[in-house]
Amino acid sequence: MDRYMPITGIDCTIASLVIDTEAPLDVLHDTAAYRIRTATQLLESFAFGEGVYSELARVLVTSLRDGCDLLDVVGRRLQEQVSAQQSQSRQAPAAS
């Protein structure tokens, strides 16, 4: 896998927005979760109306909310791992 991966939502010859595939997992997770929560909130605003589109928005919001809940659990576990690794590295004796 290349280190820098272009964002797929932008179709251009030279990518100006890329994902650093070697970034820490907690950073990648936080960025993805933020984008998904933003889309969920937008759909929630459409779901308050009446009609076919609001029904579709409600169905999509339910799936996105479930995904956000799952991402929250993954995020908490990633943060626990990062904190544990940082604690271990601080407690490791210095090499002589």
C-alpha atoms as a PDB file:
ATOM      1  CA  MET A   1       0.000   0.000   0.000  1.00  0.00           C
ATOM      2  CA  ASP A   2       1.282   3.456  -0.840  1.00  0.00           C
ATOM      3  CA  ARG A   3       1.831   5.744   2.115  1.00  0.00           C
ATOM      4  CA  TYR A   4      -0.422   8.503   0.745  1.00  0.00           C
ATOM      5  CA  MET A   5      -3.798   7.500  -0.640  1.00  0.00           C
ATOM      6  CA  PRO A   6      -5.952  10.061  -2.489  1.00  0.00           C
ATOM      7  CA  ILE A   7      -9.418  10.675  -1.076  1.00  0.00           C
ATOM      8  CA  THR A   8     -11.828   8.860  -3.403  1.00  0.00           C
ATOM      9  CA  GLY A   9     -14.553  11.503  -3.372  1.00  0.00           C
ATOM     10  CA  ILE A  10     -12.426  13.874  -5.431  1.00  0.00           C
ATOM     11  CA  ASP A  11     -11.844  12.954  -9.065  1.00  0.00           C
ATOM     12  CA  CYS A  12      -8.858  14.880 -10.360  1.00  0.00           C
ATOM     13  CA  THR A  13      -5.542  14.122 -12.017  1.00  0.00           C
ATOM     14  CA  ILE A  14      -3.353  15.404  -9.182  1.00  0.00           C
ATOM     15  CA  ALA A  15      -4.673  14.591  -5.722  1.00  0.00           C
ATOM     16  CA  SER A  16      -4.551  17.513  -3.319  1.00  0.00           C
ATOM     17  CA  LEU A  17      -6.304  15.745  -0.430  1.00  0.00           C
ATOM     18  CA  VAL A  18      -4.712  12.512   0.696  1.00  0.00           C
ATOM     19  CA  ILE A  19      -4.827  10.086   3.605  1.00  0.00           C
ATOM     20  CA  ASP A  20      -1.566   9.227   5.329  1.00  0.00           C
ATOM     21  CA  THR A  21      -1.941   5.452   5.574  1.00  0.00           C
ATOM     22  CA  GLU A  22       0.809   5.342   8.209  1.00  0.00           C
ATOM     23  CA  ALA A  23      -0.892   7.836  10.547  1.00  0.00           C
ATOM     24  CA  PRO A  24      -1.730   6.499  14.020  1.00  0.00           C
ATOM     25  CA  LEU A  25      -4.922   4.436  14.060  1.00  0.00           C
ATOM     26  CA  ASP A  26      -6.548   6.638  16.689  1.00  0.00           C
ATOM     27  CA  VAL A  27      -6.038   9.698  14.469  1.00  0.00           C
ATOM     28  CA  LEU A  28      -7.460   7.944  11.395  1.00  0.00           C
ATOM     29  CA  HIS A  29     -10.398   6.711  13.476  1.00  0.00           C
ATOM     30  CA  ASP A  30     -11.166  10.159  14.911  1.00  0.00           C
ATOM     31  CA  THR A  31     -11.128  11.720  11.435  1.00  0.00           C
ATOM     32  CA  ALA A  32     -13.420   9.052   9.972  1.00  0.00           C
ATOM     33  CA  ALA A  33     -15.807   9.197  12.922  1.00  0.00           C
ATOM     34  CA  TYR A  34     -16.051  12.995  12.651  1.00  0.00           C
ATOM     35  CA  ARG A  35     -16.957  12.819   8.964  1.00  0.00           C
ATOM     36  CA  ILE A  36     -19.567  10.111   9.523  1.00  0.00           C
ATOM     37  CA  ARG A  37     -21.136  12.005  12.459  1.00  0.00           C
ATOM     38  CA  THR A  38     -21.356  15.127  10.287  1.00  0.00           C
ATOM     39  CA  ALA A  39     -23.208  13.228   7.544  1.00  0.00           C
ATOM     40  CA  THR A  40     -25.499  11.667  10.165  1.00  0.00           C
ATOM     41  CA  GLN A  41     -26.401  15.070  11.586  1.00  0.00           C
ATOM     42  CA  LEU A  42     -27.198  16.397   8.110  1.00  0.00           C
ATOM     43  CA  LEU A  43     -29.473  13.442   7.392  1.00  0.00           C
ATOM     44  CA  GLU A  44     -31.155  13.889  10.779  1.00  0.00           C
ATOM     45  CA  SER A  45     -32.132  17.401   9.751  1.00  0.00           C
ATOM     46  CA  PHE A  46     -33.803  15.990   6.613  1.00  0.00           C
ATOM     47  CA  ALA A  47     -35.571  13.258   8.589  1.00  0.00           C
ATOM     48  CA  PHE A  48     -37.789  15.735  10.467  1.00  0.00           C
ATOM     49  CA  GLY A  49     -39.885  16.531   7.401  1.00  0.00           C
ATOM     50  CA  GLU A  50     -42.672  14.568   5.743  1.00  0.00           C
ATOM     51  CA  GLY A  51     -42.624  12.518   2.571  1.00  0.00           C
ATOM     52  CA  VAL A  52     -40.538   9.926   0.798  1.00  0.00           C
ATOM     53  CA  TYR A  53     -37.217  11.695   1.291  1.00  0.00           C
ATOM     54  CA  SER A  54     -37.695  12.069   5.030  1.00  0.00           C
ATOM     55  CA  GLU A  55     -38.525   8.352   5.293  1.00  0.00           C
ATOM     56  CA  LEU A  56     -35.366   7.505   3.374  1.00  0.00           C
ATOM     57  CA  ALA A  57     -33.376   9.864   5.600  1.00  0.00           C
ATOM     58  CA  ARG A  58     -34.758   8.139   8.731  1.00  0.00           C
ATOM     59  CA  VAL A  59     -33.675   4.715   7.451  1.00  0.00           C
ATOM     60  CA  LEU A  60     -30.196   5.997   6.602  1.00  0.00           C
ATOM     61  CA  VAL A  61     -29.853   7.828   9.915  1.00  0.00           C
ATOM     62  CA  THR A  62     -30.612   4.642  11.853  1.00  0.00           C
ATOM     63  CA  SER A  63     -27.781   2.755  10.125  1.00  0.00           C
ATOM     64  CA  LEU A  64     -25.380   5.669  10.475  1.00  0.00           C
ATOM     65  CA  ARG A  65     -26.177   6.078  14.183  1.00  0.00           C
ATOM     66  CA  ASP A  66     -25.473   2.386  14.736  1.00  0.00           C
ATOM     67  CA  GLY A  67     -22.182   2.792  12.880  1.00  0.00           C
ATOM     68  CA  CYS A  68     -21.312   5.844  14.987  1.00  0.00           C
ATOM     69  CA  ASP A  69     -22.005   3.868  18.169  1.00  0.00           C
ATOM     70  CA  LEU A  70     -19.690   1.103  16.957  1.00  0.00           C
ATOM     71  CA  LEU A  71     -17.008   3.638  16.020  1.00  0.00           C
ATOM     72  CA  ASP A  72     -17.300   5.176  19.495  1.00  0.00           C
ATOM     73  CA  VAL A  73     -16.533   1.788  21.062  1.00  0.00           C
ATOM     74  CA  VAL A  74     -13.580   1.242  18.712  1.00  0.00           C
ATOM     75  CA  GLY A  75     -12.346   4.772  19.445  1.00  0.00           C
ATOM     76  CA  ARG A  76     -12.458   4.246  23.200  1.00  0.00           C
ATOM     77  CA  ARG A  77     -10.531   1.002  22.876  1.00  0.00           C
ATOM     78  CA  LEU A  78      -7.946   2.624  20.604  1.00  0.00           C
ATOM     79  CA  GLN A  79      -7.495   5.469  23.091  1.00  0.00           C
ATOM     80  CA  GLU A  80      -7.007   2.952  25.910  1.00  0.00           C
ATOM     81  CA  GLN A  81      -4.321   1.192  23.857  1.00  0.00           C
ATOM     82  CA  VAL A  82      -2.568   4.478  23.026  1.00  0.00           C
ATOM     83  CA  SER A  83      -2.649   5.539  26.688  1.00  0.00           C
ATOM     84  CA  ALA A  84      -1.296   2.168  27.802  1.00  0.00           C
ATOM     85  CA  GLN A  85       1.520   2.323  25.252  1.00  0.00           C
ATOM     86  CA  GLN A  86       2.429   5.851  26.323  1.00  0.00           C
ATOM     87  CA  SER A  87       2.470   4.794  29.993  1.00  0.00           C
ATOM     88  CA  GLN A  88       4.690   1.830  29.189  1.00  0.00           C
ATOM     89  CA  SER A  89       7.135   3.951  27.203  1.00  0.00           C
ATOM     90  CA  ARG A  90       7.393   6.453  30.077  1.00  0.00           C
ATOM     91  CA  GLN A  91       8.030   3.673  32.594  1.00  0.00           C
ATOM     92  CA  ALA A  92      10.593   1.818  30.469  1.00  0.00           C
ATOM     93  CA  PRO A  93      14.086   2.129  31.942  1.00  0.00           C
ATOM     94  CA  ALA A  94      16.541   4.145  29.884  1.00  0.00           C
ATOM     95  CA  ALA A  95      19.157   2.085  28.059  1.00  0.00           C
ATOM     96  CA  SER A  96      22.648   2.594  29.453  1.00  0.00           C
END
